Amino acid sequence: MNSKNKVNTVLLSFTLATVGMVSAGPQVTVNFKNKTDENAVYVRGSSSNELTTYSNASPKPEAVAAGASTSFNVRPSDASPISYATV
């Protein structure tokens, strides 16, 4: 009976650890096309949403030449299962 309790404890611990790992939300893909005649530069804002978006972006958004386009992915932070992007 004692070994059965140990096996159940290990299985329960593994299950709880797995549930925590799969609770992350999906990534957000941001597509940006510069339809102007000037270069567009990504300016990091000062709000917590904008700072979180930039820190979780890959690759980090930078300048986009006139007529060009770019895309980047934003993954949810480890602290939140919610995905969003503020641009």
Protein backbone atom coordinates (compact mmCIF):
# COMPACT_ATOMS: atom_id res chain seq x y z
CA MET A 1 0.00 0.00 0.00
CA ASN A 2 2.87 2.36 0.73
CA SER A 3 4.38 2.04 -2.77
CA LYS A 4 0.94 2.66 -4.31
CA ASN A 5 0.70 5.97 -2.42
CA LYS A 6 4.16 6.96 -3.64
CA VAL A 7 3.22 6.21 -7.25
CA ASN A 8 -0.01 8.19 -6.90
CA THR A 9 1.90 11.13 -5.40
CA VAL A 10 4.39 11.12 -8.27
CA LEU A 11 1.60 10.93 -10.87
CA LEU A 12 -0.32 13.74 -9.20
CA SER A 13 2.80 15.94 -9.08
CA PHE A 14 3.55 15.27 -12.75
CA THR A 15 -0.05 16.03 -13.73
CA LEU A 16 -0.08 19.34 -11.86
CA ALA A 17 3.27 20.35 -13.37
CA THR A 18 2.02 19.52 -16.87
CA VAL A 19 -1.18 21.51 -16.41
CA GLY A 20 0.89 24.56 -15.47
CA MET A 21 3.03 24.23 -18.59
CA VAL A 22 0.16 23.97 -21.07
CA SER A 23 -1.85 26.90 -19.72
CA ALA A 24 0.07 29.43 -21.83
CA GLY A 25 -1.95 31.24 -24.47
CA PRO A 26 -1.19 31.35 -28.18
CA GLN A 27 1.19 33.84 -29.75
CA VAL A 28 -0.05 36.90 -31.63
CA THR A 29 1.41 37.67 -35.07
CA VAL A 30 1.59 41.36 -36.00
CA ASN A 31 1.89 42.17 -39.72
CA PHE A 32 2.85 45.73 -40.59
CA LYS A 33 2.98 47.24 -44.09
CA ASN A 34 4.31 50.74 -44.51
CA LYS A 35 2.19 52.31 -47.27
CA THR A 36 3.76 55.74 -46.91
CA ASP A 37 6.65 57.45 -48.72
CA GLU A 38 8.69 57.69 -45.51
CA ASN A 39 10.40 55.19 -43.24
CA ALA A 40 8.32 54.12 -40.27
CA VAL A 41 10.10 53.69 -36.94
CA TYR A 42 8.72 51.66 -34.06
CA VAL A 43 8.67 53.88 -30.99
CA ARG A 44 8.34 52.09 -27.69
CA GLY A 45 5.61 53.62 -25.59
CA SER A 46 5.57 54.12 -21.87
CA SER A 47 2.46 52.16 -20.91
CA SER A 48 2.86 48.73 -19.35
CA ASN A 49 0.98 47.11 -22.27
CA GLU A 50 3.34 48.61 -24.85
CA LEU A 51 6.44 47.69 -22.83
CA THR A 52 5.17 44.12 -22.36
CA THR A 53 4.43 43.81 -26.08
CA TYR A 54 7.94 44.94 -27.01
CA SER A 55 9.66 42.73 -24.44
CA ASN A 56 7.72 39.64 -25.62
CA ALA A 57 8.16 40.37 -29.36
CA SER A 58 10.39 38.27 -31.58
CA PRO A 59 12.10 39.62 -33.57
CA LYS A 60 12.03 43.06 -31.96
CA PRO A 61 10.21 45.55 -34.22
CA GLU A 62 12.45 48.27 -35.63
CA ALA A 63 12.26 50.60 -38.66
CA VAL A 64 10.30 49.65 -41.78
CA ALA A 65 11.33 51.23 -45.07
CA ALA A 66 8.77 53.05 -47.23
CA GLY A 67 6.64 50.51 -49.12
CA ALA A 68 8.12 47.57 -47.19
CA SER A 69 6.46 45.26 -44.71
CA THR A 70 7.48 43.27 -41.65
CA SER A 71 5.96 40.93 -39.11
CA PHE A 72 6.80 39.85 -35.60
CA ASN A 73 5.35 37.47 -33.04
CA VAL A 74 4.31 38.33 -29.51
CA ARG A 75 4.16 35.50 -27.01
CA PRO A 76 2.37 35.78 -23.67
CA SER A 77 4.54 36.44 -20.66
CA ASP A 78 5.14 33.70 -18.12
CA ALA A 79 2.98 35.58 -15.62
CA SER A 80 -0.12 35.71 -17.83
CA PRO A 81 -1.88 33.13 -20.02
CA ILE A 82 -3.38 35.95 -22.10
CA SER A 83 -1.88 37.00 -25.47
CA TYR A 84 -2.25 40.56 -26.73
CA ALA A 85 -0.23 43.13 -28.60
CA THR A 86 -0.40 46.91 -28.32
CA VAL A 87 1.11 48.76 -31.27
